[in-house]
């Protein structure tokens, strides 16, 4: 990868249900970049397209959902032009994936060391003994030195935090340049969440990883991400530096998400909420998709579709940061 080139560059990505001539976009005209050593956090309500975008990057879209437009480049290679066999070879080697639930992502019939060994040998080759050494080194690197030194154990014999550390080791087995962490802390308690995120950011810094962090937890995004990308109903609505974003978000939806974060410690006030529900894929909305729920909506918001500006600090709002008169 040449100097200055993004580890991941997505341009104009549109995903949707396609049957004959019918088109129902689920993700529409999405563009973003992640550089080496950088973490970009995807935030937004369920159904906004966060995990679907990750699946598209890996070429693992669910049946019935297609890429309708757009480009996906990893390390300078256009993935959408690759045949399935070539794309399969890049999964695990050039890009790693940490799933939300490691118990279902890990094979129940193989020990965790054996799973890392198998992944490494598929992509890197070498002897089984060399692969075992690699597996033990990775388990030690993610804080599981006792597991690395002892007999192999099955996923069901490990705690949730240990399984997620194994998942991270497995994702990093072949030294990928890109790591996608899809809700990696959802099933963990608060203390273990912090430990897992501390581990991810340490590995990101030491290895120069580009990380796409998908989360519902804005506190984690604020603490660990370098940049934030907010998705709403399949479209990007705001992107910017994480610290600035939480101080002064510009899009009404971004402000609503921030204001809905519960205060710590709790002060007894009613939690802020966003009225209504996000539109479904079959719901047609003229203008801004957030207009039916927006407290600052104006007449032109219901007619004109706002677009994101150039890559960087950008917002898809006709009246960013300006409450209705």
Protein backbone atom coordinates (compact mmCIF):
# COMPACT_ATOMS: atom_id res chain seq x y z
CA UNK A 1 0.00 0.00 0.00
CA UNK A 2 1.45 3.35 -1.00
CA UNK A 3 1.99 6.19 1.45
CA UNK A 4 -1.21 8.09 2.16
CA UNK A 5 -3.46 5.37 0.73
CA UNK A 6 -6.39 4.34 2.91
CA UNK A 7 -6.43 0.84 4.38
CA UNK A 8 -10.15 0.80 3.57
CA UNK A 9 -11.92 3.08 1.09
CA UNK A 10 -15.64 2.71 0.39
CA UNK A 11 -17.19 4.90 -2.30
CA UNK A 12 -20.86 5.26 -3.28
CA UNK A 13 -21.84 1.91 -1.75
CA UNK A 14 -25.50 1.02 -2.26
CA UNK A 15 -26.93 -2.26 -0.97
CA UNK A 16 -30.48 -3.48 -1.24
CA UNK A 17 -33.09 -6.09 -1.85
CA UNK A 18 -33.30 -6.83 -5.54
CA UNK A 19 -35.96 -8.88 -7.30
CA UNK A 20 -36.23 -8.45 -11.05
CA UNK A 21 -36.48 -4.74 -11.72
CA UNK A 22 -37.49 -3.87 -8.14
CA UNK A 23 -34.92 -1.95 -6.08
CA UNK A 24 -35.23 -1.42 -2.34
CA UNK A 25 -32.03 0.22 -1.02
CA UNK A 26 -31.00 -0.71 2.51
CA UNK A 27 -27.72 1.23 2.42
CA UNK A 28 -27.48 4.12 -0.03
CA UNK A 29 -24.52 6.07 -1.44
CA UNK A 30 -22.20 5.42 1.52
CA UNK A 31 -18.60 6.67 1.32
CA UNK A 32 -15.85 6.65 3.95
CA UNK A 33 -12.14 5.92 4.44
CA UNK A 34 -10.03 4.49 7.26
CA UNK A 35 -6.27 4.99 7.44
CA UNK A 36 -3.64 2.80 9.07
CA UNK A 37 -3.65 3.08 12.85
CA UNK A 38 -7.08 4.75 12.82
CA UNK A 39 -10.40 3.68 14.36
CA UNK A 40 -13.67 4.76 12.77
CA UNK A 41 -16.83 4.07 14.77
CA UNK A 42 -20.19 3.41 13.10
CA UNK A 43 -23.08 4.50 15.35
CA UNK A 44 -26.83 4.58 14.85
CA UNK A 45 -30.01 2.73 15.72
CA UNK A 46 -30.60 -0.91 14.79
CA UNK A 47 -31.39 -1.27 11.11
CA UNK A 48 -29.28 1.72 10.04
CA UNK A 49 -27.00 -0.45 7.90
CA UNK A 50 -23.91 -0.74 10.11
CA UNK A 51 -23.49 -4.55 10.12
CA UNK A 52 -24.78 -4.84 6.55
CA UNK A 53 -21.95 -2.59 5.39
CA UNK A 54 -19.42 -4.78 7.23
CA UNK A 55 -20.88 -7.86 5.54
CA UNK A 56 -20.53 -6.17 2.15
CA UNK A 57 -16.86 -5.41 2.78
CA UNK A 58 -16.25 -9.09 3.50
CA UNK A 59 -18.41 -10.20 0.57
CA UNK A 60 -20.74 -12.03 2.94
CA UNK A 61 -24.09 -10.38 2.22
CA UNK A 62 -27.18 -12.37 3.27
CA UNK A 63 -29.17 -14.13 0.53
CA UNK A 64 -31.42 -11.75 -1.39
CA UNK A 65 -29.31 -8.66 -0.66
CA UNK A 66 -26.99 -7.35 -3.35
CA UNK A 67 -24.46 -4.64 -3.93
CA UNK A 68 -26.21 -2.37 -6.42
CA UNK A 69 -23.45 0.22 -6.81
CA UNK A 70 -20.20 1.41 -5.31
CA UNK A 71 -16.57 0.44 -4.82
CA UNK A 72 -14.76 -1.22 -1.89
CA UNK A 73 -10.96 -1.01 -1.81
CA UNK A 74 -8.82 -2.73 0.83
CA UNK A 75 -5.11 -1.99 0.72
CA UNK A 76 -5.48 -0.59 -2.77
CA UNK A 77 -7.29 -3.64 -4.21
CA UNK A 78 -10.83 -3.31 -5.54
CA UNK A 79 -12.72 -6.16 -3.86
CA UNK A 80 -15.90 -5.92 -5.90
CA UNK A 81 -13.99 -6.92 -9.05
CA UNK A 82 -12.56 -10.11 -7.51
CA UNK A 83 -14.03 -13.56 -8.16
CA UNK A 84 -15.30 -15.42 -5.09
CA UNK A 85 -12.21 -17.63 -4.81
CA UNK A 86 -9.85 -14.63 -4.75
CA UNK A 87 -12.08 -12.80 -2.27
CA UNK A 88 -12.18 -15.85 0.00
CA UNK A 89 -8.37 -15.86 0.08
CA UNK A 90 -8.34 -12.27 1.34
CA UNK A 91 -10.75 -12.91 4.22
CA UNK A 92 -8.63 -13.54 7.28
CA UNK A 93 -5.41 -12.67 5.45
CA UNK A 94 -5.96 -9.00 4.54
CA UNK A 95 -8.97 -8.28 6.75
CA UNK A 96 -10.10 -9.75 10.04
CA UNK A 97 -13.55 -9.81 11.60
CA UNK A 98 -14.50 -9.87 15.30
CA UNK A 99 -18.11 -11.00 15.68
CA UNK A 100 -20.67 -9.88 18.24
CA UNK A 101 -21.14 -13.34 19.73
CA UNK A 102 -17.90 -15.38 19.80
CA UNK A 103 -19.65 -18.49 21.15
CA UNK A 104 -21.57 -18.87 17.88
CA UNK A 105 -18.69 -17.59 15.71
CA UNK A 106 -16.17 -20.11 17.06
CA UNK A 107 -16.50 -23.77 16.12
CA UNK A 108 -17.81 -25.82 19.08
CA UNK A 109 -16.08 -28.98 17.85
CA UNK A 110 -12.48 -27.67 17.78
CA UNK A 111 -10.21 -26.34 20.50
CA UNK A 112 -9.43 -22.64 20.23
CA UNK A 113 -5.74 -23.22 19.53
CA UNK A 114 -6.66 -25.64 16.75
CA UNK A 115 -8.93 -23.03 15.16
CA UNK A 116 -6.14 -20.44 15.07
CA UNK A 117 -3.74 -23.07 13.70
CA UNK A 118 -6.17 -24.00 10.92
CA UNK A 119 -6.77 -20.36 9.93
CA UNK A 120 -3.06 -19.61 9.85
CA UNK A 121 -2.16 -22.64 7.75
CA UNK A 122 -4.95 -22.02 5.23
CA UNK A 123 -3.63 -18.53 4.47
CA UNK A 124 0.07 -18.72 5.34
CA UNK A 125 0.99 -22.39 4.96
CA UNK A 126 3.96 -23.68 6.97
CA UNK A 127 4.24 -26.60 9.32
CA UNK A 128 1.68 -27.45 11.97
CA UNK A 129 4.27 -26.90 14.68
CA UNK A 130 5.03 -23.39 13.39
CA UNK A 131 1.31 -22.64 13.31
CA UNK A 132 0.94 -23.88 16.90
CA UNK A 133 3.72 -21.53 17.93
CA UNK A 134 1.89 -18.69 16.20
CA UNK A 135 -1.36 -19.60 17.97
CA UNK A 136 0.33 -19.66 21.39
CA UNK A 137 2.02 -16.31 20.70
CA UNK A 138 -1.28 -14.71 19.69
CA UNK A 139 -3.12 -16.03 22.74
CA UNK A 140 -0.36 -14.63 24.93
CA UNK A 141 -0.57 -11.28 23.11
CA UNK A 142 -4.30 -10.97 23.86
CA UNK A 143 -3.79 -11.77 27.55
CA UNK A 144 -4.45 -15.52 27.58
CA UNK A 145 -0.99 -16.79 28.46
CA UNK A 146 -2.38 -19.55 30.69
CA UNK A 147 -4.55 -20.78 27.84
CA UNK A 148 -1.56 -20.65 25.49
CA UNK A 149 0.62 -22.72 27.81
CA UNK A 150 -1.96 -25.34 28.80
CA UNK A 151 -3.88 -28.00 26.90
CA UNK A 152 -6.25 -26.86 24.17
CA UNK A 153 -9.73 -25.96 25.39
CA UNK A 154 -13.10 -25.68 23.68
CA UNK A 155 -15.04 -22.40 23.42
CA UNK A 156 -17.78 -23.55 25.84
CA UNK A 157 -15.11 -24.02 28.54
CA UNK A 158 -14.17 -20.32 28.45
CA UNK A 159 -15.83 -17.20 29.83
CA UNK A 160 -17.37 -14.61 27.53
CA UNK A 161 -14.40 -12.27 27.87
CA UNK A 162 -11.93 -15.08 27.16
CA UNK A 163 -13.90 -16.13 24.07
CA UNK A 164 -13.82 -12.59 22.74
CA UNK A 165 -10.06 -12.42 23.27
CA UNK A 166 -9.75 -15.69 21.34
CA UNK A 167 -11.88 -14.14 18.58
CA UNK A 168 -9.49 -11.19 18.39
CA UNK A 169 -6.47 -13.53 18.26
CA UNK A 170 -8.15 -15.50 15.47
CA UNK A 171 -8.92 -12.31 13.51
CA UNK A 172 -5.25 -11.24 13.78
CA UNK A 173 -3.73 -14.63 12.99
CA UNK A 174 -2.50 -13.59 9.52
CA UNK A 175 -1.58 -9.97 10.32
CA UNK A 176 -4.40 -8.23 8.39
CA UNK A 177 -4.23 -4.50 7.81
CA UNK A 178 -7.96 -4.04 8.45
CA UNK A 179 -9.99 -5.24 11.43
CA UNK A 180 -13.78 -4.97 11.62
CA UNK A 181 -15.18 -5.26 15.15
CA UNK A 182 -18.95 -5.71 14.93
CA UNK A 183 -20.46 -5.01 18.36
CA UNK A 184 -17.56 -6.85 20.07
CA UNK A 185 -18.62 -5.91 23.62
CA UNK A 186 -22.42 -6.30 23.51
CA UNK A 187 -22.68 -9.51 25.54
CA UNK A 188 -20.04 -8.51 28.13
CA UNK A 189 -20.31 -6.71 31.45
CA UNK A 190 -18.94 -3.18 31.79
CA UNK A 191 -15.54 -4.11 33.22
CA UNK A 192 -14.86 -6.72 30.54
CA UNK A 193 -16.06 -4.29 27.85
CA UNK A 194 -13.36 -1.83 28.88
CA UNK A 195 -10.72 -4.59 28.96
CA UNK A 196 -11.63 -5.75 25.44
CA UNK A 197 -11.63 -2.22 24.04
CA UNK A 198 -8.31 -1.42 25.76
CA UNK A 199 -6.91 -4.56 24.13
CA UNK A 200 -8.22 -3.59 20.69
CA UNK A 201 -6.80 -0.08 20.87
CA UNK A 202 -3.42 -1.36 22.08
CA UNK A 203 -3.24 -3.80 19.17
CA UNK A 204 -4.42 -1.05 16.80
CA UNK A 205 -1.56 1.19 17.95
CA UNK A 206 1.13 -1.48 18.03
CA UNK A 207 0.21 -3.08 14.69
CA UNK A 208 -0.93 0.03 12.83
CA UNK A 209 -4.34 -1.54 12.27
CA UNK A 210 -7.21 0.21 10.56
CA UNK A 211 -10.28 -0.58 12.69
CA UNK A 212 -13.96 -0.26 11.84
CA UNK A 213 -15.75 -0.36 15.21
CA UNK A 214 -19.52 -0.94 15.03
CA UNK A 215 -21.36 -0.12 18.23
CA UNK A 216 -24.59 1.04 19.84
CA UNK A 217 -22.62 2.33 22.85
CA UNK A 218 -21.76 5.98 22.25
CA UNK A 219 -19.69 6.06 25.44
CA UNK A 220 -17.30 3.48 23.99
CA UNK A 221 -17.22 5.33 20.68
CA UNK A 222 -16.38 8.58 22.46
CA UNK A 223 -13.61 6.98 24.50
CA UNK A 224 -11.87 4.87 21.85
CA UNK A 225 -12.67 6.02 18.31
CA UNK A 226 -10.70 8.60 16.35
CA UNK A 227 -13.66 9.47 14.13
CA UNK A 228 -17.42 8.91 14.23
CA UNK A 229 -19.73 8.13 11.30
CA UNK A 230 -23.45 8.32 12.10
CA UNK A 231 -25.85 6.24 9.99
CA UNK A 232 -29.60 6.73 9.83
CA UNK A 233 -31.94 4.54 7.76
CA UNK A 234 -29.11 3.39 5.52
CA UNK A 235 -27.56 6.81 4.85
CA UNK A 236 -24.61 8.60 6.41
CA UNK A 237 -25.74 11.80 8.13
CA UNK A 238 -22.60 13.06 9.90
CA UNK A 239 -18.90 12.28 10.12
CA UNK A 240 -16.15 13.96 12.09
CA UNK A 241 -13.53 13.87 14.80
CA UNK A 242 -14.80 11.95 17.83
CA UNK A 243 -13.93 14.59 20.43
CA UNK A 244 -15.52 17.43 18.47
CA UNK A 245 -18.53 15.31 17.57
CA UNK A 246 -19.61 14.76 21.17
CA UNK A 247 -19.02 18.39 22.10
CA UNK A 248 -21.02 19.88 19.23
CA UNK A 249 -22.77 17.43 16.88
CA UNK A 250 -24.26 19.27 13.91
CA UNK A 251 -27.00 16.92 12.65
CA UNK A 252 -30.27 16.83 14.69
CA UNK A 253 -30.12 13.01 14.78
CA UNK A 254 -26.55 13.09 16.09
CA UNK A 255 -27.57 15.54 18.81
CA UNK A 256 -30.50 13.31 19.75
CA UNK A 257 -28.22 10.27 20.06
CA UNK A 258 -25.78 12.18 22.24
CA UNK A 259 -28.53 13.59 24.46
CA UNK A 260 -29.97 10.09 24.96
CA UNK A 261 -26.77 8.88 26.68
CA UNK A 262 -27.70 8.17 30.35
CA UNK A 263 -25.86 10.48 32.78
CA UNK A 264 -23.31 8.97 35.17
CA UNK A 265 -24.10 9.12 38.01
CA UNK A 266 -27.86 9.04 37.41
CA UNK A 267 -29.51 12.32 38.41
CA UNK A 268 -33.13 11.10 38.52
CA UNK A 269 -34.23 12.96 35.40
CA UNK A 270 -36.19 11.23 32.65
CA UNK A 271 -33.90 9.97 29.90
CA UNK A 272 -34.08 11.79 26.60
CA UNK A 273 -35.65 9.83 23.77
CA UNK A 274 -36.07 10.14 20.02
CA UNK A 275 -39.79 10.06 19.13
CA UNK A 276 -41.03 7.67 16.45
CA UNK A 277 -39.21 4.87 14.65
CA UNK A 278 -36.71 4.78 11.77
CA UNK A 279 -38.38 4.18 8.39
CA UNK A 280 -38.39 0.64 7.00
CA UNK A 281 -36.79 -0.20 3.64
CA UNK A 282 -40.17 -0.07 1.87
CA UNK A 283 -41.13 3.33 3.28
CA UNK A 284 -40.75 6.13 0.76
CA UNK A 285 -39.79 9.49 2.25
CA UNK A 286 -39.33 12.60 0.14
CA UNK A 287 -36.49 14.82 1.27
CA UNK A 288 -34.55 14.11 4.46
CA UNK A 289 -35.23 10.67 5.93
CA UNK A 290 -35.01 12.06 9.46
CA UNK A 291 -37.56 14.81 8.76
CA UNK A 292 -40.58 12.92 10.24
CA UNK A 293 -38.75 12.68 13.60
CA UNK A 294 -36.71 15.88 13.53
CA UNK A 295 -37.51 18.61 16.09
CA UNK A 296 -35.92 21.24 13.80
CA UNK A 297 -37.67 20.25 10.55
CA UNK A 298 -38.45 22.96 7.99
CA UNK A 299 -40.46 22.95 4.79
CA UNK A 300 -37.47 22.40 2.50
CA UNK A 301 -36.38 19.38 4.60
CA UNK A 302 -39.44 17.52 3.30
CA UNK A 303 -38.60 18.24 -0.34
CA UNK A 304 -34.80 18.23 -0.74
CA UNK A 305 -32.53 15.23 -0.08
CA UNK A 306 -29.46 16.49 1.85
CA UNK A 307 -26.09 15.10 0.78
CA UNK A 308 -22.79 14.62 2.56
CA UNK A 309 -19.93 16.91 1.60
CA UNK A 310 -16.34 15.86 0.81
CA UNK A 311 -14.61 13.25 2.97
CA UNK A 312 -13.64 14.59 6.37
CA UNK A 313 -15.87 16.71 8.61
CA UNK A 314 -19.24 16.57 6.88
CA UNK A 315 -22.96 16.56 7.57
CA UNK A 316 -26.05 15.70 5.49
CA UNK A 317 -28.40 18.39 6.76
CA UNK A 318 -29.87 21.47 5.08
CA UNK A 319 -29.70 23.43 8.35
CA UNK A 320 -26.85 21.88 10.40
CA UNK A 321 -26.61 23.01 13.99
CA UNK A 322 -29.45 25.48 13.57
CA UNK A 323 -32.68 24.94 15.57
CA UNK A 324 -35.93 25.80 13.89
CA UNK A 325 -36.95 29.49 14.28
